[in-house]
């Protein structure tokens, strides 16, 4: 029985299948559903869990080489929110692009983890390294 680290068997299974240069999406509560993409929905209630909580949980088990986020994230969120995300993504090269271009990356991902995060444009595509 697992007693520490990631406990969710679906998330563990998904991470075990990510290989070098594969992508994993962590999405906020409003991100569109992608029928062709394995989705693990962790949303419980508004704000639980957050994208940053999921990111912190997967980072010890997943080497992230780079991350992509929507440029709109920078425009609509407070300096405190942007700083929290910068801290959560510390040590990872983050590239910002338009939201439509960002969404074009999603179908190529191994899977998507949906959260209950209300932060606008909090979605990220993580590329394994």
Protein backbone atom coordinates (compact mmCIF):
# COMPACT_ATOMS: atom_id res chain seq x y z
CA UNK A 1 0.00 0.00 0.00
CA UNK A 2 1.29 3.46 -0.92
CA UNK A 3 1.64 5.73 2.09
CA UNK A 4 3.49 8.75 0.70
CA UNK A 5 3.96 10.69 -2.49
CA UNK A 6 1.37 10.27 -5.22
CA UNK A 7 -1.48 8.09 -4.04
CA UNK A 8 -3.87 8.36 -7.00
CA UNK A 9 -3.47 5.18 -9.09
CA UNK A 10 -4.77 6.84 -12.26
CA UNK A 11 -2.23 9.67 -12.05
CA UNK A 12 0.56 7.18 -11.27
CA UNK A 13 -0.42 5.07 -14.28
CA UNK A 14 -0.48 8.09 -16.55
CA UNK A 15 2.94 9.30 -15.38
CA UNK A 16 4.39 5.82 -15.86
CA UNK A 17 3.49 6.01 -19.55
CA UNK A 18 5.09 9.41 -20.21
CA UNK A 19 8.37 9.08 -22.07
CA UNK A 20 11.07 11.48 -23.21
CA UNK A 21 9.59 14.52 -25.02
CA UNK A 22 5.99 13.42 -24.34
CA UNK A 23 3.49 16.00 -23.12
CA UNK A 24 1.18 16.04 -20.12
CA UNK A 25 -1.54 18.67 -19.61
CA UNK A 26 -2.61 20.02 -16.24
CA UNK A 27 -5.78 22.04 -16.70
CA UNK A 28 -8.05 24.36 -14.76
CA UNK A 29 -11.73 23.66 -14.13
CA UNK A 30 -12.93 25.39 -17.30
CA UNK A 31 -10.65 23.70 -19.81
CA UNK A 32 -12.54 22.01 -22.68
CA UNK A 33 -13.06 18.25 -22.70
CA UNK A 34 -10.99 16.38 -25.31
CA UNK A 35 -12.75 13.05 -26.06
CA UNK A 36 -9.69 11.53 -27.72
CA UNK A 37 -7.41 12.31 -24.76
CA UNK A 38 -7.22 10.32 -21.55
CA UNK A 39 -8.50 12.65 -18.86
CA UNK A 40 -8.14 12.22 -15.13
CA UNK A 41 -10.62 14.55 -13.46
CA UNK A 42 -9.43 15.41 -9.96
CA UNK A 43 -11.78 18.37 -9.51
CA UNK A 44 -13.64 18.10 -6.24
CA UNK A 45 -15.01 21.57 -5.48
CA UNK A 46 -14.14 25.08 -6.59
CA UNK A 47 -10.40 25.49 -6.06
CA UNK A 48 -9.67 21.89 -5.02
CA UNK A 49 -7.19 20.83 -6.11
CA UNK A 50 -5.33 23.63 -7.83
CA UNK A 51 -3.06 23.37 -10.85
CA UNK A 52 -0.10 24.27 -8.63
CA UNK A 53 -0.96 21.54 -6.11
CA UNK A 54 -1.09 18.95 -8.88
CA UNK A 55 2.13 20.28 -10.39
CA UNK A 56 3.86 20.03 -7.00
CA UNK A 57 2.59 16.47 -6.58
CA UNK A 58 3.78 15.23 -9.99
CA UNK A 59 7.14 17.00 -10.16
CA UNK A 60 9.03 14.49 -7.99
CA UNK A 61 7.93 11.72 -10.36
CA UNK A 62 8.12 13.54 -13.67
CA UNK A 63 11.13 15.35 -15.12
CA UNK A 64 9.78 18.47 -16.82
CA UNK A 65 12.08 19.96 -19.46
CA UNK A 66 9.77 22.78 -20.52
CA UNK A 67 6.25 24.05 -20.09
CA UNK A 68 3.82 25.93 -22.30
CA UNK A 69 1.13 28.29 -21.07
CA UNK A 70 -1.23 30.76 -22.68
CA UNK A 71 0.09 34.30 -22.95
CA UNK A 72 -3.34 35.46 -21.74
CA UNK A 73 -2.44 34.06 -18.30
CA UNK A 74 0.03 36.93 -17.89
CA UNK A 75 -2.54 39.56 -18.87
CA UNK A 76 -5.51 38.57 -16.69
CA UNK A 77 -3.91 37.40 -13.45
CA UNK A 78 -2.50 39.38 -10.55
CA UNK A 79 1.22 39.76 -9.87
CA UNK A 80 0.79 37.47 -6.84
CA UNK A 81 -0.77 34.71 -8.96
CA UNK A 82 1.90 35.08 -11.64
CA UNK A 83 4.61 34.90 -8.94
CA UNK A 84 3.07 31.74 -7.42
CA UNK A 85 3.10 30.05 -10.83
CA UNK A 86 6.68 31.19 -11.48
CA UNK A 87 7.65 29.67 -8.15
CA UNK A 88 5.81 26.40 -8.91
CA UNK A 89 7.53 26.20 -12.31
CA UNK A 90 10.95 27.16 -10.92
CA UNK A 91 13.77 25.57 -12.89
CA UNK A 92 11.53 24.87 -15.89
CA UNK A 93 11.74 26.83 -19.15
CA UNK A 94 8.25 28.33 -19.60
CA UNK A 95 7.09 29.47 -23.02
CA UNK A 96 3.99 31.62 -23.43
CA UNK A 97 1.92 31.56 -26.60
CA UNK A 98 -1.57 32.54 -27.67
CA UNK A 99 -4.38 30.47 -26.14
CA UNK A 100 -5.49 29.12 -29.56
CA UNK A 101 -1.92 28.01 -30.32
CA UNK A 102 -1.61 26.53 -26.83
CA UNK A 103 -4.75 24.44 -27.37
CA UNK A 104 -3.27 23.03 -30.59
CA UNK A 105 -0.64 21.26 -28.43
CA UNK A 106 -3.23 19.43 -26.34
CA UNK A 107 -4.21 16.58 -28.72
CA UNK A 108 -0.58 15.45 -28.84
CA UNK A 109 -0.40 14.91 -25.08
CA UNK A 110 -0.33 11.53 -23.35
CA UNK A 111 -3.10 12.69 -21.03
CA UNK A 112 -4.80 15.54 -19.22
CA UNK A 113 -5.29 16.07 -15.50
CA UNK A 114 -8.25 18.37 -14.77
CA UNK A 115 -8.31 20.31 -11.51
CA UNK A 116 -10.83 22.50 -9.74
CA UNK A 117 -8.62 25.57 -10.18
CA UNK A 118 -10.52 28.82 -10.90
CA UNK A 119 -7.38 30.74 -12.01
CA UNK A 120 -7.92 31.94 -15.58
CA UNK A 121 -5.64 30.34 -18.17
CA UNK A 122 -3.88 28.29 -15.46
CA UNK A 123 -3.49 25.41 -17.93
CA UNK A 124 -0.06 24.08 -18.78
CA UNK A 125 1.45 21.58 -21.17
CA UNK A 126 4.46 19.95 -19.57
CA UNK A 127 7.08 18.39 -21.84
CA UNK A 128 9.09 15.56 -20.32
CA UNK A 129 12.84 15.75 -20.40
